Amino acid sequence: MAKQGDTEANIFYADTRFERMARRPGGVSREEAIERAQSAVQELKTDFIAWIDEQLGELSITLDDLAHNPGNKAALERAHQKSAYLRDVGGTMGYTLVTFVASTLCDILDAYIAGAPFDKNVTDCHMDAFLLARTDEYRHMRPQEVPELAKGLLRVVEVSSIVPPVDGKE
């Protein structure tokens, strides 16, 4: 038992489930497990770029459908779903700017769902921003590092999210 005024600290290490598993025959060290995980994510990045391109292609087709028929609720929901996929997965794979662009597009699509008028120029602007954000040069950038793009998209969201009053009532 420590005496009053004794300042010596005792260090306690918890034996975690992961560490117990690593000590079993065939287990790996924490460092090796992290290295393997990082390697696996790196291998997925090539597939991820193809996945982004596929999602953007499908999103473009859906947005073109909406341009011809803005009242198509199914197409609006599909576009929102594709944007949400890009938003949710982009950051995980290191495409921070893709996540930002997808998030602002989700906000726009939410406004369209709520009754704001569809504007093809707004969706075209977002598709162009996606093409830029998916490039190697921009993929790791945060919105703060490309302020013109970020402020522009946020301004577009602000202006495009205005839902007109029903029957002229506010």
N, C-alpha and C. Protein backbone atom coordinates (compact mmCIF):
# COMPACT_ATOMS: atom_id res chain seq x y z
N MET A 1 0.84 -1.18 0.00
CA MET A 1 0.00 0.00 0.00
C MET A 1 0.88 1.24 0.00
N ALA A 2 0.53 2.21 -0.79
CA ALA A 2 1.31 3.45 -0.88
C ALA A 2 1.04 4.32 0.32
N LYS A 3 2.09 4.95 0.81
CA LYS A 3 1.95 5.87 1.93
C LYS A 3 1.42 7.20 1.41
N GLN A 4 0.79 7.92 2.33
CA GLN A 4 0.31 9.26 1.99
C GLN A 4 1.51 10.11 1.59
N GLY A 5 1.39 10.81 0.47
CA GLY A 5 2.46 11.67 -0.01
C GLY A 5 3.40 10.95 -0.97
N ASP A 6 3.23 9.62 -1.16
CA ASP A 6 4.05 8.87 -2.10
C ASP A 6 3.59 9.23 -3.51
N THR A 7 4.50 9.73 -4.37
CA THR A 7 4.12 10.24 -5.69
C THR A 7 4.45 9.28 -6.82
N GLU A 8 4.85 8.08 -6.52
CA GLU A 8 5.20 7.14 -7.57
C GLU A 8 3.93 6.65 -8.28
N ALA A 9 3.96 6.69 -9.59
CA ALA A 9 2.81 6.27 -10.39
C ALA A 9 3.00 4.83 -10.85
N ASN A 10 1.92 4.11 -10.89
CA ASN A 10 1.94 2.75 -11.42
C ASN A 10 1.27 2.75 -12.78
N ILE A 11 1.89 2.13 -13.73
CA ILE A 11 1.32 2.05 -15.07
C ILE A 11 0.67 0.70 -15.23
N PHE A 12 -0.54 0.71 -15.72
CA PHE A 12 -1.32 -0.50 -15.88
C PHE A 12 -1.69 -0.63 -17.35
N TYR A 13 -1.41 -1.77 -17.96
CA TYR A 13 -1.78 -2.04 -19.34
C TYR A 13 -2.89 -3.08 -19.35
N ALA A 14 -3.99 -2.75 -19.98
CA ALA A 14 -5.10 -3.70 -20.09
C ALA A 14 -4.77 -4.71 -21.19
N ASP A 15 -5.02 -5.96 -20.90
CA ASP A 15 -4.81 -7.01 -21.89
C ASP A 15 -6.08 -7.09 -22.73
N THR A 16 -6.03 -6.51 -23.92
CA THR A 16 -7.22 -6.44 -24.76
C THR A 16 -7.44 -7.74 -25.51
N ARG A 17 -8.63 -7.91 -26.00
CA ARG A 17 -8.98 -9.09 -26.79
C ARG A 17 -8.09 -9.17 -28.03
N PHE A 18 -7.81 -8.03 -28.64
CA PHE A 18 -6.96 -7.99 -29.83
C PHE A 18 -5.56 -8.49 -29.50
N GLU A 19 -5.00 -8.05 -28.38
CA GLU A 19 -3.66 -8.47 -28.01
C GLU A 19 -3.61 -9.97 -27.67
N ARG A 20 -4.64 -10.48 -27.03
CA ARG A 20 -4.70 -11.92 -26.75
C ARG A 20 -4.76 -12.71 -28.05
N MET A 21 -5.56 -12.23 -29.02
CA MET A 21 -5.65 -12.91 -30.31
C MET A 21 -4.31 -12.86 -31.04
N ALA A 22 -3.59 -11.74 -30.92
CA ALA A 22 -2.32 -11.59 -31.61
C ALA A 22 -1.26 -12.55 -31.06
N ARG A 23 -1.37 -12.91 -29.79
CA ARG A 23 -0.39 -13.83 -29.18
C ARG A 23 -0.68 -15.29 -29.51
N ARG A 24 -1.86 -15.60 -29.99
CA ARG A 24 -2.18 -16.98 -30.35
C ARG A 24 -1.33 -17.40 -31.53
N PRO A 25 -1.14 -18.70 -31.69
CA PRO A 25 -0.40 -19.15 -32.88
C PRO A 25 -1.09 -18.64 -34.15
N GLY A 26 -0.32 -18.06 -35.01
CA GLY A 26 -0.86 -17.52 -36.26
C GLY A 26 -1.33 -16.08 -36.12
N GLY A 27 -1.31 -15.53 -34.93
CA GLY A 27 -1.71 -14.14 -34.72
C GLY A 27 -0.65 -13.19 -35.26
N VAL A 28 -1.03 -11.95 -35.45
CA VAL A 28 -0.10 -10.95 -35.96
C VAL A 28 -0.03 -9.79 -34.99
N SER A 29 1.06 -9.07 -35.06
CA SER A 29 1.22 -7.90 -34.19
C SER A 29 0.29 -6.79 -34.65
N ARG A 30 0.06 -5.85 -33.77
CA ARG A 30 -0.78 -4.70 -34.10
C ARG A 30 -0.23 -3.95 -35.30
N GLU A 31 1.08 -3.76 -35.33
CA GLU A 31 1.70 -3.01 -36.43
C GLU A 31 1.49 -3.73 -37.76
N GLU A 32 1.64 -5.05 -37.74
CA GLU A 32 1.44 -5.82 -38.97
C GLU A 32 -0.02 -5.79 -39.40
N ALA A 33 -0.94 -5.85 -38.45
CA ALA A 33 -2.37 -5.78 -38.77
C ALA A 33 -2.71 -4.44 -39.40
N ILE A 34 -2.17 -3.36 -38.86
CA ILE A 34 -2.41 -2.03 -39.41
C ILE A 34 -1.83 -1.93 -40.82
N GLU A 35 -0.62 -2.46 -40.99
CA GLU A 35 0.01 -2.42 -42.31
C GLU A 35 -0.82 -3.21 -43.33
N ARG A 36 -1.33 -4.36 -42.93
CA ARG A 36 -2.17 -5.15 -43.83
C ARG A 36 -3.46 -4.40 -44.18
N ALA A 37 -4.06 -3.76 -43.20
CA ALA A 37 -5.30 -3.02 -43.45
C ALA A 37 -5.05 -1.86 -44.41
N GLN A 38 -3.95 -1.13 -44.19
CA GLN A 38 -3.63 -0.02 -45.09
C GLN A 38 -3.35 -0.51 -46.50
N SER A 39 -2.71 -1.65 -46.62
CA SER A 39 -2.44 -2.23 -47.93
C SER A 39 -3.75 -2.62 -48.62
N ALA A 40 -4.66 -3.20 -47.86
CA ALA A 40 -5.96 -3.60 -48.43
C ALA A 40 -6.74 -2.38 -48.91
N VAL A 41 -6.71 -1.29 -48.14
CA VAL A 41 -7.41 -0.06 -48.55
C VAL A 41 -6.76 0.49 -49.81
N GLN A 42 -5.45 0.44 -49.89
CA GLN A 42 -4.75 0.93 -51.08
C GLN A 42 -5.17 0.15 -52.32
N GLU A 43 -5.31 -1.17 -52.18
CA GLU A 43 -5.75 -1.99 -53.31
C GLU A 43 -7.18 -1.65 -53.72
N LEU A 44 -8.00 -1.27 -52.76
CA LEU A 44 -9.39 -0.92 -53.06
C LEU A 44 -9.52 0.41 -53.80
N LYS A 45 -8.51 1.27 -53.69
CA LYS A 45 -8.61 2.60 -54.29
C LYS A 45 -8.79 2.54 -55.80
N THR A 46 -8.13 1.62 -56.46
CA THR A 46 -8.31 1.49 -57.91
C THR A 46 -9.75 1.12 -58.22
N ASP A 47 -10.27 0.16 -57.48
CA ASP A 47 -11.68 -0.21 -57.65
C ASP A 47 -12.59 0.95 -57.30
N PHE A 48 -12.20 1.73 -56.31
CA PHE A 48 -13.02 2.85 -55.87
C PHE A 48 -13.13 3.92 -56.95
N ILE A 49 -12.04 4.19 -57.63
CA ILE A 49 -12.07 5.18 -58.72
C ILE A 49 -13.04 4.73 -59.79
N ALA A 50 -13.00 3.45 -60.13
CA ALA A 50 -13.95 2.92 -61.11
C ALA A 50 -15.37 3.02 -60.58
N TRP A 51 -15.55 2.77 -59.28
CA TRP A 51 -16.88 2.86 -58.65
C TRP A 51 -17.39 4.30 -58.71
N ILE A 52 -16.52 5.27 -58.41
CA ILE A 52 -16.93 6.69 -58.50
C ILE A 52 -17.39 7.00 -59.92
N ASP A 53 -16.60 6.59 -60.89
CA ASP A 53 -16.96 6.85 -62.29
C ASP A 53 -18.31 6.23 -62.65
N GLU A 54 -18.53 5.01 -62.17
CA GLU A 54 -19.81 4.34 -62.42
C GLU A 54 -20.96 5.10 -61.77
N GLN A 55 -20.78 5.50 -60.51
CA GLN A 55 -21.82 6.25 -59.80
C GLN A 55 -22.10 7.59 -60.48
N LEU A 56 -21.03 8.27 -60.90
CA LEU A 56 -21.21 9.57 -61.57
C LEU A 56 -21.92 9.40 -62.90
N GLY A 57 -21.63 8.33 -63.63
CA GLY A 57 -22.32 8.05 -64.89
C GLY A 57 -23.81 7.84 -64.67
N GLU A 58 -24.14 7.02 -63.67
CA GLU A 58 -25.55 6.76 -63.36
C GLU A 58 -26.24 8.02 -62.85
N LEU A 59 -25.52 8.81 -62.04
CA LEU A 59 -26.08 10.05 -61.53
C LEU A 59 -26.34 11.03 -62.67
N SER A 60 -25.43 11.11 -63.61
CA SER A 60 -25.59 12.01 -64.76
C SER A 60 -26.82 11.64 -65.58
N ILE A 61 -27.00 10.35 -65.82
CA ILE A 61 -28.17 9.88 -66.58
C ILE A 61 -29.45 10.23 -65.83
N THR A 62 -29.45 10.01 -64.52
CA THR A 62 -30.63 10.30 -63.71
C THR A 62 -30.93 11.79 -63.70
N LEU A 63 -29.90 12.62 -63.59
CA LEU A 63 -30.11 14.08 -63.59
C LEU A 63 -30.60 14.56 -64.96
N ASP A 64 -30.14 13.92 -66.04
CA ASP A 64 -30.65 14.25 -67.37
C ASP A 64 -32.13 13.89 -67.48
N ASP A 65 -32.51 12.74 -66.90
CA ASP A 65 -33.92 12.36 -66.87
C ASP A 65 -34.75 13.42 -66.13
N LEU A 66 -34.20 13.90 -65.02
CA LEU A 66 -34.90 14.93 -64.25
C LEU A 66 -35.02 16.24 -65.03
N ALA A 67 -34.02 16.56 -65.82
CA ALA A 67 -34.07 17.79 -66.61
C ALA A 67 -35.22 17.74 -67.61
N HIS A 68 -35.51 16.54 -68.13
CA HIS A 68 -36.61 16.39 -69.08
C HIS A 68 -37.96 16.24 -68.38
N ASN A 69 -37.95 15.74 -67.15
CA ASN A 69 -39.19 15.55 -66.39
C ASN A 69 -38.92 15.84 -64.91
N PRO A 70 -38.88 17.14 -64.54
CA PRO A 70 -38.55 17.52 -63.17
C PRO A 70 -39.50 16.95 -62.10
N GLY A 71 -40.67 16.53 -62.50
CA GLY A 71 -41.62 15.98 -61.54
C GLY A 71 -41.44 14.49 -61.28
N ASN A 72 -40.45 13.87 -61.88
CA ASN A 72 -40.21 12.44 -61.74
C ASN A 72 -39.62 12.15 -60.35
N LYS A 73 -40.49 11.79 -59.42
CA LYS A 73 -40.08 11.55 -58.02
C LYS A 73 -39.12 10.37 -57.91
N ALA A 74 -39.33 9.32 -58.71
CA ALA A 74 -38.45 8.15 -58.66
C ALA A 74 -37.03 8.53 -59.07
N ALA A 75 -36.90 9.33 -60.13
CA ALA A 75 -35.58 9.77 -60.58
C ALA A 75 -34.93 10.68 -59.53
N LEU A 76 -35.73 11.51 -58.91
CA LEU A 76 -35.23 12.39 -57.85
C LEU A 76 -34.69 11.57 -56.68
N GLU A 77 -35.41 10.55 -56.30
CA GLU A 77 -34.96 9.66 -55.21
C GLU A 77 -33.69 8.91 -55.61
N ARG A 78 -33.62 8.44 -56.87
CA ARG A 78 -32.41 7.74 -57.35
C ARG A 78 -31.21 8.68 -57.32
N ALA A 79 -31.39 9.90 -57.77
CA ALA A 79 -30.30 10.87 -57.76
C ALA A 79 -29.84 11.14 -56.33
N HIS A 80 -30.79 11.26 -55.43
CA HIS A 80 -30.43 11.49 -54.02
C HIS A 80 -29.67 10.29 -53.47
N GLN A 81 -30.10 9.09 -53.80
CA GLN A 81 -29.44 7.88 -53.32
C GLN A 81 -28.00 7.81 -53.83
N LYS A 82 -27.78 8.09 -55.11
CA LYS A 82 -26.43 8.08 -55.68
C LYS A 82 -25.55 9.13 -55.02
N SER A 83 -26.11 10.31 -54.80
CA SER A 83 -25.35 11.38 -54.14
C SER A 83 -24.99 10.98 -52.71
N ALA A 84 -25.94 10.36 -52.02
CA ALA A 84 -25.69 9.93 -50.65
C ALA A 84 -24.61 8.85 -50.60
N TYR A 85 -24.60 7.93 -51.57
CA TYR A 85 -23.53 6.92 -51.63
C TYR A 85 -22.17 7.59 -51.77
N LEU A 86 -22.08 8.54 -52.69
CA LEU A 86 -20.82 9.25 -52.91
C LEU A 86 -20.41 10.03 -51.67
N ARG A 87 -21.36 10.65 -51.02
CA ARG A 87 -21.08 11.41 -49.80
C ARG A 87 -20.55 10.49 -48.70
N ASP A 88 -21.22 9.37 -48.51
CA ASP A 88 -20.90 8.50 -47.39
C ASP A 88 -19.60 7.71 -47.58
N VAL A 89 -19.27 7.36 -48.81
CA VAL A 89 -18.10 6.53 -49.05
C VAL A 89 -16.87 7.37 -49.42
N GLY A 90 -17.08 8.53 -49.96
CA GLY A 90 -15.96 9.36 -50.42
C GLY A 90 -14.92 9.64 -49.36
N GLY A 91 -15.34 10.09 -48.20
CA GLY A 91 -14.40 10.41 -47.14
C GLY A 91 -13.63 9.21 -46.64
N THR A 92 -14.27 8.07 -46.62
CA THR A 92 -13.61 6.85 -46.16
C THR A 92 -12.41 6.51 -47.03
N MET A 93 -12.53 6.77 -48.30
CA MET A 93 -11.46 6.43 -49.24
C MET A 93 -10.50 7.61 -49.49
N GLY A 94 -10.65 8.68 -48.75
CA GLY A 94 -9.75 9.81 -48.88
C GLY A 94 -10.16 10.84 -49.91
N TYR A 95 -11.37 10.77 -50.39
CA TYR A 95 -11.87 11.74 -51.37
C TYR A 95 -12.75 12.76 -50.64
N THR A 96 -12.12 13.60 -49.87
CA THR A 96 -12.83 14.57 -49.03
C THR A 96 -13.66 15.53 -49.85
N LEU A 97 -13.11 15.98 -50.96
CA LEU A 97 -13.82 16.94 -51.80
C LEU A 97 -15.03 16.30 -52.48
N VAL A 98 -14.92 15.04 -52.86
CA VAL A 98 -16.07 14.32 -53.42
C VAL A 98 -17.19 14.28 -52.38
N THR A 99 -16.83 14.03 -51.13
CA THR A 99 -17.81 14.00 -50.05
C THR A 99 -18.50 15.35 -49.92
N PHE A 100 -17.73 16.43 -49.99
CA PHE A 100 -18.31 17.78 -49.87
C PHE A 100 -19.27 18.08 -51.03
N VAL A 101 -18.84 17.78 -52.25
CA VAL A 101 -19.68 18.05 -53.41
C VAL A 101 -20.97 17.22 -53.32
N ALA A 102 -20.82 15.95 -52.95
CA ALA A 102 -21.99 15.09 -52.83
C ALA A 102 -22.93 15.58 -51.73
N SER A 103 -22.37 16.07 -50.65
CA SER A 103 -23.20 16.60 -49.55
C SER A 103 -24.00 17.81 -50.01
N THR A 104 -23.36 18.71 -50.74
CA THR A 104 -24.11 19.89 -51.23
C THR A 104 -25.16 19.48 -52.25
N LEU A 105 -24.85 18.47 -53.07
CA LEU A 105 -25.87 18.00 -54.03
C LEU A 105 -27.04 17.35 -53.28
N CYS A 106 -26.75 16.62 -52.22
CA CYS A 106 -27.83 16.04 -51.41
C CYS A 106 -28.73 17.15 -50.86
N ASP A 107 -28.12 18.25 -50.42
CA ASP A 107 -28.91 19.38 -49.91
C ASP A 107 -29.81 19.95 -51.01
N ILE A 108 -29.25 20.07 -52.22
CA ILE A 108 -30.04 20.58 -53.36
C ILE A 108 -31.20 19.62 -53.66
N LEU A 109 -30.90 18.34 -53.70
CA LEU A 109 -31.93 17.36 -54.01
C LEU A 109 -33.00 17.30 -52.92
N ASP A 110 -32.60 17.51 -51.67
CA ASP A 110 -33.58 17.61 -50.58
C ASP A 110 -34.53 18.78 -50.83
N ALA A 111 -33.96 19.88 -51.31
CA ALA A 111 -34.80 21.05 -51.60
C ALA A 111 -35.74 20.76 -52.77
N TYR A 112 -35.25 20.04 -53.79
CA TYR A 112 -36.12 19.68 -54.91
C TYR A 112 -37.25 18.77 -54.45
N ILE A 113 -36.92 17.84 -53.57
CA ILE A 113 -37.94 16.94 -53.02
C ILE A 113 -38.98 17.74 -52.26
N ALA A 114 -38.53 18.80 -51.58
CA ALA A 114 -39.44 19.65 -50.80
C ALA A 114 -40.25 20.61 -51.66
N GLY A 115 -39.92 20.70 -52.97
CA GLY A 115 -40.71 21.54 -53.85
C GLY A 115 -39.98 22.68 -54.52
N ALA A 116 -38.69 22.84 -54.26
CA ALA A 116 -37.93 23.89 -54.95
C ALA A 116 -37.88 23.55 -56.44
N PRO A 117 -37.88 24.56 -57.31
CA PRO A 117 -37.86 24.29 -58.74
C PRO A 117 -36.52 23.68 -59.19
N PHE A 118 -36.59 22.66 -60.05
CA PHE A 118 -35.40 22.00 -60.58
C PHE A 118 -34.65 22.96 -61.50
N ASP A 119 -33.32 22.98 -61.38
CA ASP A 119 -32.48 23.82 -62.22
C ASP A 119 -31.32 22.98 -62.76
N LYS A 120 -31.34 22.70 -64.05
CA LYS A 120 -30.31 21.87 -64.67
C LYS A 120 -28.93 22.49 -64.53
N ASN A 121 -28.83 23.81 -64.56
CA ASN A 121 -27.52 24.46 -64.40
C ASN A 121 -26.89 24.12 -63.05
N VAL A 122 -27.72 24.01 -62.02
CA VAL A 122 -27.22 23.68 -60.69
C VAL A 122 -26.67 22.26 -60.66
N THR A 123 -27.39 21.33 -61.24
CA THR A 123 -26.91 19.94 -61.23
C THR A 123 -25.70 19.79 -62.15
N ASP A 124 -25.67 20.50 -63.27
CA ASP A 124 -24.49 20.47 -64.14
C ASP A 124 -23.26 21.01 -63.41
N CYS A 125 -23.46 22.07 -62.64
CA CYS A 125 -22.37 22.65 -61.85
C CYS A 125 -21.81 21.61 -60.88
N HIS A 126 -22.69 20.86 -60.24
CA HIS A 126 -22.25 19.82 -59.31
C HIS A 126 -21.54 18.67 -60.03
N MET A 127 -22.03 18.30 -61.19
CA MET A 127 -21.37 17.23 -61.94
C MET A 127 -19.96 17.65 -62.35
N ASP A 128 -19.80 18.91 -62.76
CA ASP A 128 -18.47 19.41 -63.10
C ASP A 128 -17.57 19.41 -61.86
N ALA A 129 -18.12 19.79 -60.72
CA ALA A 129 -17.35 19.78 -59.47
C ALA A 129 -16.93 18.36 -59.10
N PHE A 130 -17.81 17.38 -59.33
CA PHE A 130 -17.46 15.98 -59.09
C PHE A 130 -16.27 15.56 -59.94
N LEU A 131 -16.30 15.92 -61.21
CA LEU A 131 -15.21 15.53 -62.11
C LEU A 131 -13.88 16.09 -61.65
N LEU A 132 -13.89 17.30 -61.13
CA LEU A 132 -12.68 17.91 -60.60
C LEU A 132 -12.28 17.22 -59.29
N ALA A 133 -13.23 17.01 -58.41
CA ALA A 133 -12.94 16.46 -57.08
C ALA A 133 -12.42 15.03 -57.12
N ARG A 134 -12.71 14.28 -58.16
CA ARG A 134 -12.26 12.89 -58.23
C ARG A 134 -10.84 12.75 -58.76
N THR A 135 -10.26 13.82 -59.27
CA THR A 135 -8.89 13.75 -59.80
C THR A 135 -7.88 13.61 -58.67
N ASP A 136 -6.73 13.04 -58.99
CA ASP A 136 -5.68 12.85 -57.98
C ASP A 136 -5.23 14.18 -57.38
N GLU A 137 -5.21 15.23 -58.20
CA GLU A 137 -4.75 16.54 -57.73
C GLU A 137 -5.64 17.11 -56.63
N TYR A 138 -6.94 16.86 -56.71
CA TYR A 138 -7.89 17.47 -55.77
C TYR A 138 -8.47 16.51 -54.73
N ARG A 139 -8.28 15.22 -54.89
CA ARG A 139 -9.00 14.26 -54.06
C ARG A 139 -8.76 14.41 -52.57
N HIS A 140 -7.54 14.77 -52.16
CA HIS A 140 -7.25 14.90 -50.73
C HIS A 140 -7.56 16.30 -50.19
N MET A 141 -7.93 17.21 -51.07
CA MET A 141 -8.18 18.58 -50.62
C MET A 141 -9.48 18.67 -49.83
N ARG A 142 -9.42 19.52 -48.83
CA ARG A 142 -10.62 19.82 -48.06
C ARG A 142 -11.28 21.04 -48.69
N PRO A 143 -12.55 21.26 -48.44
CA PRO A 143 -13.23 22.41 -49.02
C PRO A 143 -12.51 23.74 -48.72
N GLN A 144 -11.90 23.85 -47.55
CA GLN A 144 -11.20 25.08 -47.18
C GLN A 144 -10.00 25.35 -48.09
N GLU A 145 -9.48 24.30 -48.72
CA GLU A 145 -8.32 24.45 -49.58
C GLU A 145 -8.68 24.88 -51.01
N VAL A 146 -9.95 24.82 -51.33
CA VAL A 146 -10.46 25.31 -52.62
C VAL A 146 -11.66 26.20 -52.31
N PRO A 147 -11.40 27.37 -51.71
CA PRO A 147 -12.50 28.19 -51.20
C PRO A 147 -13.46 28.69 -52.28
N GLU A 148 -12.96 28.95 -53.49
CA GLU A 148 -13.85 29.43 -54.54
C GLU A 148 -14.90 28.38 -54.87
N LEU A 149 -14.45 27.14 -55.00
CA LEU A 149 -15.37 26.04 -55.30
C LEU A 149 -16.35 25.83 -54.15
N ALA A 150 -15.82 25.77 -52.94
CA ALA A 150 -16.67 25.50 -51.77
C ALA A 150 -17.70 26.61 -51.56
N LYS A 151 -17.26 27.84 -51.61
CA LYS A 151 -18.20 28.96 -51.42
C LYS A 151 -19.22 29.01 -52.54
N GLY A 152 -18.77 28.73 -53.75
CA GLY A 152 -19.70 28.72 -54.89
C GLY A 152 -20.78 27.67 -54.73
N LEU A 153 -20.39 26.46 -54.35
CA LEU A 153 -21.38 25.39 -54.17
C LEU A 153 -22.33 25.70 -53.01
N LEU A 154 -21.78 26.24 -51.94
CA LEU A 154 -22.64 26.60 -50.80
C LEU A 154 -23.62 27.71 -51.18
N ARG A 155 -23.18 28.65 -51.99
CA ARG A 155 -24.06 29.73 -52.46
C ARG A 155 -25.16 29.16 -53.36
N VAL A 156 -24.79 28.21 -54.21
CA VAL A 156 -25.77 27.56 -55.08
C VAL A 156 -26.82 26.84 -54.24
N VAL A 157 -26.37 26.15 -53.19
CA VAL A 157 -27.31 25.46 -52.29
C VAL A 157 -28.25 26.47 -51.65
N GLU A 158 -27.71 27.57 -51.19
CA GLU A 158 -28.52 28.59 -50.52
C GLU A 158 -29.60 29.15 -51.45
N VAL A 159 -29.20 29.49 -52.67
CA VAL A 159 -30.14 30.08 -53.62
C VAL A 159 -31.14 29.05 -54.15
N SER A 160 -30.67 27.84 -54.41
CA SER A 160 -31.52 26.81 -55.02
C SER A 160 -32.45 26.13 -54.03
N SER A 161 -32.21 26.31 -52.75
CA SER A 161 -33.01 25.62 -51.74
C SER A 161 -34.26 26.39 -51.34
N ILE A 162 -34.50 27.47 -52.01
CA ILE A 162 -35.70 28.27 -51.69
C ILE A 162 -36.92 27.59 -52.30
N VAL A 163 -37.80 27.18 -51.43
CA VAL A 163 -39.03 26.53 -51.85
C VAL A 163 -40.10 27.61 -51.96
N PRO A 164 -40.73 27.75 -53.13
CA PRO A 164 -41.74 28.80 -53.27
C PRO A 164 -42.94 28.54 -52.36
N PRO A 165 -43.55 29.60 -51.88
CA PRO A 165 -44.72 29.41 -51.01
C PRO A 165 -45.87 28.79 -51.80
N VAL A 166 -46.67 28.01 -51.10
CA VAL A 166 -47.82 27.35 -51.70
C VAL A 166 -48.95 28.38 -51.86
N ASP A 167 -49.52 28.46 -53.06
CA ASP A 167 -50.63 29.37 -53.35
C ASP A 167 -50.34 30.82 -52.98
N GLY A 168 -49.07 31.24 -53.14
CA GLY A 168 -48.72 32.62 -52.89
C GLY A 168 -48.68 32.98 -51.42
N LYS A 169 -48.87 32.02 -50.51
CA LYS A 169 -48.82 32.29 -49.06
C LYS A 169 -47.43 32.03 -48.55
N GLU A 170 -47.00 32.85 -47.59
CA GLU A 170 -45.67 32.65 -47.02
C GLU A 170 -45.77 32.05 -45.65
